[in-house]
mmCIF file of all heavy atoms, coordinates in Angstrom:
data_MODEL
# 
_entry.id   MODEL 
# 
loop_
_atom_site.group_PDB 
_atom_site.id 
_atom_site.type_symbol 
_atom_site.label_atom_id 
_atom_site.label_alt_id 
_atom_site.label_comp_id 
_atom_site.label_asym_id 
_atom_site.label_entity_id 
_atom_site.label_seq_id 
_atom_site.pdbx_PDB_ins_code 
_atom_site.Cartn_x 
_atom_site.Cartn_y 
_atom_site.Cartn_z 
_atom_site.occupancy 
_atom_site.B_iso_or_equiv 
_atom_site.pdbx_formal_charge 
_atom_site.auth_seq_id 
_atom_site.auth_comp_id 
_atom_site.auth_asym_id 
_atom_site.auth_atom_id 
_atom_site.pdbx_PDB_model_num 
ATOM 1   N N   . SER A 1 1  ? -18.128 1.052   5.263  1.00 0.00 ? 1  SER A N   1 
ATOM 2   C CA  . SER A 1 1  ? -17.461 1.149   6.561  1.00 0.00 ? 1  SER A CA  1 
ATOM 3   C C   . SER A 1 1  ? -16.591 -0.075  6.781  1.00 0.00 ? 1  SER A C   1 
ATOM 4   O O   . SER A 1 1  ? -16.899 -0.953  7.595  1.00 0.00 ? 1  SER A O   1 
ATOM 5   C CB  . SER A 1 1  ? -18.496 1.306   7.676  1.00 0.00 ? 1  SER A CB  1 
ATOM 6   O OG  . SER A 1 1  ? -19.287 2.455   7.496  1.00 0.00 ? 1  SER A OG  1 
ATOM 7   N N   . ILE A 1 2  ? -15.474 -0.140  6.063  1.00 0.00 ? 2  ILE A N   1 
ATOM 8   C CA  . ILE A 1 2  ? -14.647 -1.343  6.042  1.00 0.00 ? 2  ILE A CA  1 
ATOM 9   C C   . ILE A 1 2  ? -13.672 -1.428  7.210  1.00 0.00 ? 2  ILE A C   1 
ATOM 10  O O   . ILE A 1 2  ? -13.098 -2.495  7.445  1.00 0.00 ? 2  ILE A O   1 
ATOM 11  C CB  . ILE A 1 2  ? -13.857 -1.450  4.727  1.00 0.00 ? 2  ILE A CB  1 
ATOM 12  C CG1 . ILE A 1 2  ? -12.948 -0.232  4.547  1.00 0.00 ? 2  ILE A CG1 1 
ATOM 13  C CG2 . ILE A 1 2  ? -14.818 -1.593  3.547  1.00 0.00 ? 2  ILE A CG2 1 
ATOM 14  C CD1 . ILE A 1 2  ? -12.059 -0.312  3.326  1.00 0.00 ? 2  ILE A CD1 1 
ATOM 15  N N   . PHE A 1 3  ? -13.470 -0.330  7.939  1.00 0.00 ? 3  PHE A N   1 
ATOM 16  C CA  . PHE A 1 3  ? -12.552 -0.369  9.073  1.00 0.00 ? 3  PHE A CA  1 
ATOM 17  C C   . PHE A 1 3  ? -13.051 -1.372  10.110 1.00 0.00 ? 3  PHE A C   1 
ATOM 18  O O   . PHE A 1 3  ? -14.218 -1.364  10.488 1.00 0.00 ? 3  PHE A O   1 
ATOM 19  C CB  . PHE A 1 3  ? -12.408 1.009   9.707  1.00 0.00 ? 3  PHE A CB  1 
ATOM 20  C CG  . PHE A 1 3  ? -11.475 1.035   10.876 1.00 0.00 ? 3  PHE A CG  1 
ATOM 21  C CD1 . PHE A 1 3  ? -10.107 1.101   10.677 1.00 0.00 ? 3  PHE A CD1 1 
ATOM 22  C CD2 . PHE A 1 3  ? -11.956 0.987   12.171 1.00 0.00 ? 3  PHE A CD2 1 
ATOM 23  C CE1 . PHE A 1 3  ? -9.231  1.119   11.759 1.00 0.00 ? 3  PHE A CE1 1 
ATOM 24  C CE2 . PHE A 1 3  ? -11.094 1.001   13.252 1.00 0.00 ? 3  PHE A CE2 1 
ATOM 25  C CZ  . PHE A 1 3  ? -9.730  1.069   13.044 1.00 0.00 ? 3  PHE A CZ  1 
ATOM 26  N N   . GLY A 1 4  ? -12.157 -2.233  10.566 1.00 0.00 ? 4  GLY A N   1 
ATOM 27  C CA  . GLY A 1 4  ? -12.496 -3.204  11.583 1.00 0.00 ? 4  GLY A CA  1 
ATOM 28  C C   . GLY A 1 4  ? -12.838 -4.587  11.067 1.00 0.00 ? 4  GLY A C   1 
ATOM 29  O O   . GLY A 1 4  ? -13.099 -5.481  11.872 1.00 0.00 ? 4  GLY A O   1 
ATOM 30  N N   . ILE A 1 5  ? -12.836 -4.795  9.751  1.00 0.00 ? 5  ILE A N   1 
ATOM 31  C CA  . ILE A 1 5  ? -13.078 -6.130  9.206  1.00 0.00 ? 5  ILE A CA  1 
ATOM 32  C C   . ILE A 1 5  ? -11.942 -7.053  9.625  1.00 0.00 ? 5  ILE A C   1 
ATOM 33  O O   . ILE A 1 5  ? -10.769 -6.725  9.452  1.00 0.00 ? 5  ILE A O   1 
ATOM 34  C CB  . ILE A 1 5  ? -13.213 -6.105  7.678  1.00 0.00 ? 5  ILE A CB  1 
ATOM 35  C CG1 . ILE A 1 5  ? -14.503 -5.412  7.266  1.00 0.00 ? 5  ILE A CG1 1 
ATOM 36  C CG2 . ILE A 1 5  ? -13.174 -7.520  7.115  1.00 0.00 ? 5  ILE A CG2 1 
ATOM 37  C CD1 . ILE A 1 5  ? -14.693 -5.309  5.763  1.00 0.00 ? 5  ILE A CD1 1 
ATOM 38  N N   . THR A 1 6  ? -12.293 -8.203  10.175 1.00 0.00 ? 6  THR A N   1 
ATOM 39  C CA  . THR A 1 6  ? -11.294 -9.172  10.613 1.00 0.00 ? 6  THR A CA  1 
ATOM 40  C C   . THR A 1 6  ? -11.246 -10.354 9.648  1.00 0.00 ? 6  THR A C   1 
ATOM 41  O O   . THR A 1 6  ? -10.394 -10.411 8.761  1.00 0.00 ? 6  THR A O   1 
ATOM 42  C CB  . THR A 1 6  ? -11.588 -9.641  12.041 1.00 0.00 ? 6  THR A CB  1 
ATOM 43  O OG1 . THR A 1 6  ? -12.939 -10.115 12.139 1.00 0.00 ? 6  THR A OG1 1 
ATOM 44  C CG2 . THR A 1 6  ? -11.406 -8.484  13.016 1.00 0.00 ? 6  THR A CG2 1 
ATOM 45  N N   . ASP A 1 7  ? -12.180 -11.302 9.796  1.00 0.00 ? 7  ASP A N   1 
ATOM 46  C CA  . ASP A 1 7  ? -12.203 -12.474 8.936  1.00 0.00 ? 7  ASP A CA  1 
ATOM 47  C C   . ASP A 1 7  ? -13.039 -12.235 7.683  1.00 0.00 ? 7  ASP A C   1 
ATOM 48  O O   . ASP A 1 7  ? -14.019 -11.489 7.691  1.00 0.00 ? 7  ASP A O   1 
ATOM 49  C CB  . ASP A 1 7  ? -12.771 -13.677 9.678  1.00 0.00 ? 7  ASP A CB  1 
ATOM 50  C CG  . ASP A 1 7  ? -11.930 -14.067 10.882 1.00 0.00 ? 7  ASP A CG  1 
ATOM 51  O OD1 . ASP A 1 7  ? -10.801 -13.564 11.021 1.00 0.00 ? 7  ASP A OD1 1 
ATOM 52  O OD2 . ASP A 1 7  ? -12.409 -14.889 11.691 1.00 0.00 ? 7  ASP A OD2 1 
ATOM 53  N N   . MET A 1 8  ? -12.659 -12.907 6.597  1.00 0.00 ? 8  MET A N   1 
ATOM 54  C CA  . MET A 1 8  ? -13.454 -12.964 5.391  1.00 0.00 ? 8  MET A CA  1 
ATOM 55  C C   . MET A 1 8  ? -13.504 -14.420 4.942  1.00 0.00 ? 8  MET A C   1 
ATOM 56  O O   . MET A 1 8  ? -12.628 -15.215 5.287  1.00 0.00 ? 8  MET A O   1 
ATOM 57  C CB  . MET A 1 8  ? -12.890 -12.076 4.281  1.00 0.00 ? 8  MET A CB  1 
ATOM 58  C CG  . MET A 1 8  ? -12.793 -10.612 4.653  1.00 0.00 ? 8  MET A CG  1 
ATOM 59  S SD  . MET A 1 8  ? -12.299 -9.535  3.273  1.00 0.00 ? 8  MET A SD  1 
ATOM 60  C CE  . MET A 1 8  ? -13.844 -9.476  2.344  1.00 0.00 ? 8  MET A CE  1 
ATOM 61  N N   . GLY A 1 9  ? -14.549 -14.771 4.184  1.00 0.00 ? 9  GLY A N   1 
ATOM 62  C CA  . GLY A 1 9  ? -14.658 -16.153 3.775  1.00 0.00 ? 9  GLY A CA  1 
ATOM 63  C C   . GLY A 1 9  ? -15.685 -16.384 2.695  1.00 0.00 ? 9  GLY A C   1 
ATOM 64  O O   . GLY A 1 9  ? -16.338 -15.454 2.211  1.00 0.00 ? 9  GLY A O   1 
ATOM 65  N N   . TRP A 1 10 ? -15.798 -17.653 2.314  1.00 0.00 ? 10 TRP A N   1 
ATOM 66  C CA  . TRP A 1 10 ? -16.739 -18.098 1.302  1.00 0.00 ? 10 TRP A CA  1 
ATOM 67  C C   . TRP A 1 10 ? -17.594 -19.226 1.851  1.00 0.00 ? 10 TRP A C   1 
ATOM 68  O O   . TRP A 1 10 ? -17.089 -20.144 2.509  1.00 0.00 ? 10 TRP A O   1 
ATOM 69  C CB  . TRP A 1 10 ? -16.009 -18.569 0.039  1.00 0.00 ? 10 TRP A CB  1 
ATOM 70  C CG  . TRP A 1 10 ? -15.311 -17.466 -0.696 1.00 0.00 ? 10 TRP A CG  1 
ATOM 71  C CD1 . TRP A 1 10 ? -14.027 -17.061 -0.545 1.00 0.00 ? 10 TRP A CD1 1 
ATOM 72  C CD2 . TRP A 1 10 ? -15.879 -16.631 -1.698 1.00 0.00 ? 10 TRP A CD2 1 
ATOM 73  N NE1 . TRP A 1 10 ? -13.750 -16.023 -1.382 1.00 0.00 ? 10 TRP A NE1 1 
ATOM 74  C CE2 . TRP A 1 10 ? -14.875 -15.730 -2.112 1.00 0.00 ? 10 TRP A CE2 1 
ATOM 75  C CE3 . TRP A 1 10 ? -17.145 -16.549 -2.290 1.00 0.00 ? 10 TRP A CE3 1 
ATOM 76  C CZ2 . TRP A 1 10 ? -15.087 -14.767 -3.092 1.00 0.00 ? 10 TRP A CZ2 1 
ATOM 77  C CZ3 . TRP A 1 10 ? -17.365 -15.588 -3.263 1.00 0.00 ? 10 TRP A CZ3 1 
ATOM 78  C CH2 . TRP A 1 10 ? -16.343 -14.714 -3.654 1.00 0.00 ? 10 TRP A CH2 1 
ATOM 79  N N   . TYR A 1 11 ? -18.894 -19.159 1.568  1.00 0.00 ? 11 TYR A N   1 
ATOM 80  C CA  . TYR A 1 11 ? -19.860 -20.190 1.908  1.00 0.00 ? 11 TYR A CA  1 
ATOM 81  C C   . TYR A 1 11 ? -20.595 -20.598 0.643  1.00 0.00 ? 11 TYR A C   1 
ATOM 82  O O   . TYR A 1 11 ? -20.585 -19.872 -0.352 1.00 0.00 ? 11 TYR A O   1 
ATOM 83  C CB  . TYR A 1 11 ? -20.858 -19.678 2.952  1.00 0.00 ? 11 TYR A CB  1 
ATOM 84  C CG  . TYR A 1 11 ? -20.259 -19.440 4.323  1.00 0.00 ? 11 TYR A CG  1 
ATOM 85  C CD1 . TYR A 1 11 ? -19.364 -18.401 4.545  1.00 0.00 ? 11 TYR A CD1 1 
ATOM 86  C CD2 . TYR A 1 11 ? -20.600 -20.253 5.401  1.00 0.00 ? 11 TYR A CD2 1 
ATOM 87  C CE1 . TYR A 1 11 ? -18.812 -18.175 5.795  1.00 0.00 ? 11 TYR A CE1 1 
ATOM 88  C CE2 . TYR A 1 11 ? -20.064 -20.034 6.656  1.00 0.00 ? 11 TYR A CE2 1 
ATOM 89  C CZ  . TYR A 1 11 ? -19.169 -18.994 6.849  1.00 0.00 ? 11 TYR A CZ  1 
ATOM 90  O OH  . TYR A 1 11 ? -18.635 -18.779 8.093  1.00 0.00 ? 11 TYR A OH  1 
ATOM 91  N N   . ARG A 1 12 ? -21.252 -21.759 0.680  1.00 0.00 ? 12 ARG A N   1 
ATOM 92  C CA  . ARG A 1 12 ? -22.030 -22.196 -0.474 1.00 0.00 ? 12 ARG A CA  1 
ATOM 93  C C   . ARG A 1 12 ? -23.293 -22.897 -0.020 1.00 0.00 ? 12 ARG A C   1 
ATOM 94  O O   . ARG A 1 12 ? -23.363 -23.450 1.075  1.00 0.00 ? 12 ARG A O   1 
ATOM 95  C CB  . ARG A 1 12 ? -21.215 -23.102 -1.392 1.00 0.00 ? 12 ARG A CB  1 
ATOM 96  C CG  . ARG A 1 12 ? -20.827 -24.450 -0.786 1.00 0.00 ? 12 ARG A CG  1 
ATOM 97  C CD  . ARG A 1 12 ? -19.883 -25.190 -1.737 1.00 0.00 ? 12 ARG A CD  1 
ATOM 98  N NE  . ARG A 1 12 ? -19.500 -26.495 -1.227 1.00 0.00 ? 12 ARG A NE  1 
ATOM 99  C CZ  . ARG A 1 12 ? -18.606 -27.291 -1.808 1.00 0.00 ? 12 ARG A CZ  1 
ATOM 100 N NH1 . ARG A 1 12 ? -17.992 -26.898 -2.929 1.00 0.00 ? 12 ARG A NH1 1 
ATOM 101 N NH2 . ARG A 1 12 ? -18.321 -28.477 -1.270 1.00 0.00 ? 12 ARG A NH2 1 
ATOM 102 N N   . GLN A 1 13 ? -24.305 -22.865 -0.893 1.00 0.00 ? 13 GLN A N   1 
ATOM 103 C CA  . GLN A 1 13 ? -25.587 -23.476 -0.596 1.00 0.00 ? 13 GLN A CA  1 
ATOM 104 C C   . GLN A 1 13 ? -26.156 -24.092 -1.870 1.00 0.00 ? 13 GLN A C   1 
ATOM 105 O O   . GLN A 1 13 ? -26.384 -23.396 -2.857 1.00 0.00 ? 13 GLN A O   1 
ATOM 106 C CB  . GLN A 1 13 ? -26.569 -22.453 -0.024 1.00 0.00 ? 13 GLN A CB  1 
ATOM 107 C CG  . GLN A 1 13 ? -27.878 -23.048 0.435  1.00 0.00 ? 13 GLN A CG  1 
ATOM 108 C CD  . GLN A 1 13 ? -28.709 -22.058 1.226  1.00 0.00 ? 13 GLN A CD  1 
ATOM 109 O OE1 . GLN A 1 13 ? -28.527 -20.842 1.102  1.00 0.00 ? 13 GLN A OE1 1 
ATOM 110 N NE2 . GLN A 1 13 ? -29.609 -22.556 2.048  1.00 0.00 ? 13 GLN A NE2 1 
ATOM 111 N N   . ALA A 1 14 ? -26.379 -25.404 -1.840 1.00 0.00 ? 14 ALA A N   1 
ATOM 112 C CA  . ALA A 1 14 ? -27.013 -26.132 -2.928 1.00 0.00 ? 14 ALA A CA  1 
ATOM 113 C C   . ALA A 1 14 ? -28.496 -26.296 -2.618 1.00 0.00 ? 14 ALA A C   1 
ATOM 114 O O   . ALA A 1 14 ? -28.897 -26.255 -1.452 1.00 0.00 ? 14 ALA A O   1 
ATOM 115 C CB  . ALA A 1 14 ? -26.355 -27.491 -3.120 1.00 0.00 ? 14 ALA A CB  1 
ATOM 116 N N   . PRO A 1 15 ? -29.346 -26.497 -3.642 1.00 0.00 ? 15 PRO A N   1 
ATOM 117 C CA  . PRO A 1 15 ? -30.780 -26.663 -3.400 1.00 0.00 ? 15 PRO A CA  1 
ATOM 118 C C   . PRO A 1 15 ? -31.070 -27.782 -2.409 1.00 0.00 ? 15 PRO A C   1 
ATOM 119 O O   . PRO A 1 15 ? -30.542 -28.891 -2.535 1.00 0.00 ? 15 PRO A O   1 
ATOM 120 C CB  . PRO A 1 15 ? -31.337 -26.990 -4.785 1.00 0.00 ? 15 PRO A CB  1 
ATOM 121 C CG  . PRO A 1 15 ? -30.383 -26.339 -5.730 1.00 0.00 ? 15 PRO A CG  1 
ATOM 122 C CD  . PRO A 1 15 ? -29.042 -26.499 -5.088 1.00 0.00 ? 15 PRO A CD  1 
ATOM 123 N N   . GLY A 1 16 ? -31.883 -27.483 -1.407 1.00 0.00 ? 16 GLY A N   1 
ATOM 124 C CA  . GLY A 1 16 ? -32.241 -28.464 -0.396 1.00 0.00 ? 16 GLY A CA  1 
ATOM 125 C C   . GLY A 1 16 ? -31.252 -28.616 0.729  1.00 0.00 ? 16 GLY A C   1 
ATOM 126 O O   . GLY A 1 16 ? -31.510 -29.381 1.669  1.00 0.00 ? 16 GLY A O   1 
ATOM 127 N N   . ASN A 1 17 ? -30.117 -27.918 0.668  1.00 0.00 ? 17 ASN A N   1 
ATOM 128 C CA  . ASN A 1 17 ? -29.085 -28.019 1.696  1.00 0.00 ? 17 ASN A CA  1 
ATOM 129 C C   . ASN A 1 17 ? -28.952 -26.719 2.470  1.00 0.00 ? 17 ASN A C   1 
ATOM 130 O O   . ASN A 1 17 ? -29.364 -25.651 2.015  1.00 0.00 ? 17 ASN A O   1 
ATOM 131 C CB  . ASN A 1 17 ? -27.737 -28.377 1.075  1.00 0.00 ? 17 ASN A CB  1 
ATOM 132 C CG  . ASN A 1 17 ? -27.706 -29.757 0.466  1.00 0.00 ? 17 ASN A CG  1 
ATOM 133 O OD1 . ASN A 1 17 ? -28.542 -30.607 0.784  1.00 0.00 ? 17 ASN A OD1 1 
ATOM 134 N ND2 . ASN A 1 17 ? -26.743 -29.993 -0.412 1.00 0.00 ? 17 ASN A ND2 1 
ATOM 135 N N   . GLN A 1 18 ? -28.349 -26.824 3.657  1.00 0.00 ? 18 GLN A N   1 
ATOM 136 C CA  . GLN A 1 18 ? -28.031 -25.639 4.438  1.00 0.00 ? 18 GLN A CA  1 
ATOM 137 C C   . GLN A 1 18 ? -26.786 -24.962 3.875  1.00 0.00 ? 18 GLN A C   1 
ATOM 138 O O   . GLN A 1 18 ? -25.967 -25.594 3.207  1.00 0.00 ? 18 GLN A O   1 
ATOM 139 C CB  . GLN A 1 18 ? -27.807 -25.995 5.902  1.00 0.00 ? 18 GLN A CB  1 
ATOM 140 C CG  . GLN A 1 18 ? -29.040 -26.488 6.634  1.00 0.00 ? 18 GLN A CG  1 
ATOM 141 C CD  . GLN A 1 18 ? -28.764 -26.734 8.103  1.00 0.00 ? 18 GLN A CD  1 
ATOM 142 O OE1 . GLN A 1 18 ? -27.671 -27.168 8.477  1.00 0.00 ? 18 GLN A OE1 1 
ATOM 143 N NE2 . GLN A 1 18 ? -29.749 -26.455 8.944  1.00 0.00 ? 18 GLN A NE2 1 
ATOM 144 N N   . ARG A 1 19 ? -26.648 -23.667 4.153  1.00 0.00 ? 19 ARG A N   1 
ATOM 145 C CA  . ARG A 1 19 ? -25.450 -22.952 3.764  1.00 0.00 ? 19 ARG A CA  1 
ATOM 146 C C   . ARG A 1 19 ? -24.276 -23.443 4.604  1.00 0.00 ? 19 ARG A C   1 
ATOM 147 O O   . ARG A 1 19 ? -24.357 -23.498 5.833  1.00 0.00 ? 19 ARG A O   1 
ATOM 148 C CB  . ARG A 1 19 ? -25.649 -21.447 3.937  1.00 0.00 ? 19 ARG A CB  1 
ATOM 149 C CG  . ARG A 1 19 ? -24.505 -20.601 3.402  1.00 0.00 ? 19 ARG A CG  1 
ATOM 150 C CD  . ARG A 1 19 ? -24.836 -19.116 3.475  1.00 0.00 ? 19 ARG A CD  1 
ATOM 151 N NE  . ARG A 1 19 ? -26.023 -18.773 2.694  1.00 0.00 ? 19 ARG A NE  1 
ATOM 152 C CZ  . ARG A 1 19 ? -26.483 -17.550 2.538  1.00 0.00 ? 19 ARG A CZ  1 
ATOM 153 N NH1 . ARG A 1 19 ? -25.856 -16.532 3.100  1.00 0.00 ? 19 ARG A NH1 1 
ATOM 154 N NH2 . ARG A 1 19 ? -27.581 -17.342 1.815  1.00 0.00 ? 19 ARG A NH2 1 
ATOM 155 N N   . GLY A 1 20 ? -23.178 -23.800 3.945  1.00 0.00 ? 20 GLY A N   1 
ATOM 156 C CA  . GLY A 1 20 ? -22.030 -24.361 4.632  1.00 0.00 ? 20 GLY A CA  1 
ATOM 157 C C   . GLY A 1 20 ? -20.744 -23.616 4.327  1.00 0.00 ? 20 GLY A C   1 
ATOM 158 O O   . GLY A 1 20 ? -20.604 -22.994 3.278  1.00 0.00 ? 20 GLY A O   1 
ATOM 159 N N   . LEU A 1 21 ? -19.802 -23.710 5.242  1.00 0.00 ? 21 LEU A N   1 
ATOM 160 C CA  . LEU A 1 21 ? -18.506 -23.055 5.112  1.00 0.00 ? 21 LEU A CA  1 
ATOM 161 C C   . LEU A 1 21 ? -17.655 -23.737 4.047  1.00 0.00 ? 21 LEU A C   1 
ATOM 162 O O   . LEU A 1 21 ? -17.568 -24.967 3.999  1.00 0.00 ? 21 LEU A O   1 
ATOM 163 C CB  . LEU A 1 21 ? -17.781 -23.083 6.457  1.00 0.00 ? 21 LEU A CB  1 
ATOM 164 C CG  . LEU A 1 21 ? -16.342 -22.570 6.469  1.00 0.00 ? 21 LEU A CG  1 
ATOM 165 C CD1 . LEU A 1 21 ? -16.315 -21.068 6.208  1.00 0.00 ? 21 LEU A CD1 1 
ATOM 166 C CD2 . LEU A 1 21 ? -15.671 -22.898 7.796  1.00 0.00 ? 21 LEU A CD2 1 
ATOM 167 N N   . VAL A 1 22 ? -17.012 -22.936 3.207  1.00 0.00 ? 22 VAL A N   1 
ATOM 168 C CA  . VAL A 1 22 ? -16.053 -23.426 2.225  1.00 0.00 ? 22 VAL A CA  1 
ATOM 169 C C   . VAL A 1 22 ? -14.630 -23.114 2.680  1.00 0.00 ? 22 VAL A C   1 
ATOM 170 O O   . VAL A 1 22 ? -13.782 -24.001 2.762  1.00 0.00 ? 22 VAL A O   1 
ATOM 171 C CB  . VAL A 1 22 ? -16.305 -22.823 0.833  1.00 0.00 ? 22 VAL A CB  1 
ATOM 172 C CG1 . VAL A 1 22 ? -15.227 -23.276 -0.149 1.00 0.00 ? 22 VAL A CG1 1 
ATOM 173 C CG2 . VAL A 1 22 ? -17.687 -23.209 0.330  1.00 0.00 ? 22 VAL A CG2 1 
ATOM 174 N N   . ALA A 1 23 ? -14.351 -21.841 2.970  1.00 0.00 ? 23 ALA A N   1 
ATOM 175 C CA  . ALA A 1 23 ? -13.020 -21.426 3.386  1.00 0.00 ? 23 ALA A CA  1 
ATOM 176 C C   . ALA A 1 23 ? -13.100 -20.072 4.069  1.00 0.00 ? 23 ALA A C   1 
ATOM 177 O O   . ALA A 1 23 ? -13.983 -19.265 3.762  1.00 0.00 ? 23 ALA A O   1 
ATOM 178 C CB  . ALA A 1 23 ? -12.060 -21.354 2.198  1.00 0.00 ? 23 ALA A CB  1 
ATOM 179 N N   . THR A 1 24 ? -12.177 -19.819 5.000  1.00 0.00 ? 24 THR A N   1 
ATOM 180 C CA  . THR A 1 24 ? -12.066 -18.524 5.662  1.00 0.00 ? 24 THR A CA  1 
ATOM 181 C C   . THR A 1 24 ? -10.606 -18.098 5.699  1.00 0.00 ? 24 THR A C   1 
ATOM 182 O O   . THR A 1 24 ? -9.697  -18.924 5.605  1.00 0.00 ? 24 THR A O   1 
ATOM 183 C CB  . THR A 1 24 ? -12.617 -18.542 7.096  1.00 0.00 ? 24 THR A CB  1 
ATOM 184 O OG1 . THR A 1 24 ? -11.894 -19.491 7.884  1.00 0.00 ? 24 THR A OG1 1 
ATOM 185 C CG2 . THR A 1 24 ? -14.095 -18.896 7.110  1.00 0.00 ? 24 THR A CG2 1 
ATOM 186 N N   . ILE A 1 25 ? -10.391 -16.790 5.877  1.00 0.00 ? 25 ILE A N   1 
ATOM 187 C CA  . ILE A 1 25 ? -9.048  -16.243 5.990  1.00 0.00 ? 25 ILE A CA  1 
ATOM 188 C C   . ILE A 1 25 ? -9.087  -15.046 6.923  1.00 0.00 ? 25 ILE A C   1 
ATOM 189 O O   . ILE A 1 25 ? -9.971  -14.192 6.822  1.00 0.00 ? 25 ILE A O   1 
ATOM 190 C CB  . ILE A 1 25 ? -8.466  -15.881 4.605  1.00 0.00 ? 25 ILE A CB  1 
ATOM 191 C CG1 . ILE A 1 25 ? -7.017  -15.410 4.727  1.00 0.00 ? 25 ILE A CG1 1 
ATOM 192 C CG2 . ILE A 1 25 ? -9.336  -14.847 3.900  1.00 0.00 ? 25 ILE A CG2 1 
ATOM 193 C CD1 . ILE A 1 25 ? -6.301  -15.318 3.384  1.00 0.00 ? 25 ILE A CD1 1 
ATOM 194 N N   . THR A 1 26 ? -8.141  -14.977 7.861  1.00 0.00 ? 26 THR A N   1 
ATOM 195 C CA  . THR A 1 26 ? -8.067  -13.871 8.797  1.00 0.00 ? 26 THR A CA  1 
ATOM 196 C C   . THR A 1 26 ? -7.326  -12.700 8.169  1.00 0.00 ? 26 THR A C   1 
ATOM 197 O O   . THR A 1 26 ? -6.722  -12.817 7.101  1.00 0.00 ? 26 THR A O   1 
ATOM 198 C CB  . THR A 1 26 ? -7.361  -14.287 10.088 1.00 0.00 ? 26 THR A CB  1 
ATOM 199 O OG1 . THR A 1 26 ? -5.973  -14.524 9.818  1.00 0.00 ? 26 THR A OG1 1 
ATOM 200 C CG2 . THR A 1 26 ? -7.984  -15.548 10.675 1.00 0.00 ? 26 THR A CG2 1 
ATOM 201 N N   . SER A 1 27 ? -7.360  -11.554 8.856  1.00 0.00 ? 27 SER A N   1 
ATOM 202 C CA  . SER A 1 27 ? -6.635  -10.385 8.370  1.00 0.00 ? 27 SER A CA  1 
ATOM 203 C C   . SER A 1 27 ? -5.133  -10.631 8.338  1.00 0.00 ? 27 SER A C   1 
ATOM 204 O O   . SER A 1 27 ? -4.419  -9.985  7.570  1.00 0.00 ? 27 SER A O   1 
ATOM 205 C CB  . SER A 1 27 ? -6.948  -9.163  9.234  1.00 0.00 ? 27 SER A CB  1 
ATOM 206 O OG  . SER A 1 27 ? -6.589  -9.388  10.587 1.00 0.00 ? 27 SER A OG  1 
ATOM 207 N N   . GLY A 1 28 ? -4.643  -11.573 9.158  1.00 0.00 ? 28 GLY A N   1 
ATOM 208 C CA  . GLY A 1 28 ? -3.241  -11.927 9.170  1.00 0.00 ? 28 GLY A CA  1 
ATOM 209 C C   . GLY A 1 28 ? -2.852  -13.000 8.169  1.00 0.00 ? 28 GLY A C   1 
ATOM 210 O O   . GLY A 1 28 ? -1.670  -13.340 8.068  1.00 0.00 ? 28 GLY A O   1 
ATOM 211 N N   . GLY A 1 29 ? -3.838  -13.556 7.446  1.00 0.00 ? 29 GLY A N   1 
ATOM 212 C CA  . GLY A 1 29 ? -3.549  -14.523 6.409  1.00 0.00 ? 29 GLY A CA  1 
ATOM 213 C C   . GLY A 1 29 ? -3.706  -15.983 6.796  1.00 0.00 ? 29 GLY A C   1 
ATOM 214 O O   . GLY A 1 29 ? -3.402  -16.865 5.986  1.00 0.00 ? 29 GLY A O   1 
# 
């Protein structure tokens, strides 16, 4: 059900660390 997806992005998590934001991109670029 892909209709309505706005933002997409990448996160990363190393051992012992919280998951953190790497990069995001909107539907408009």
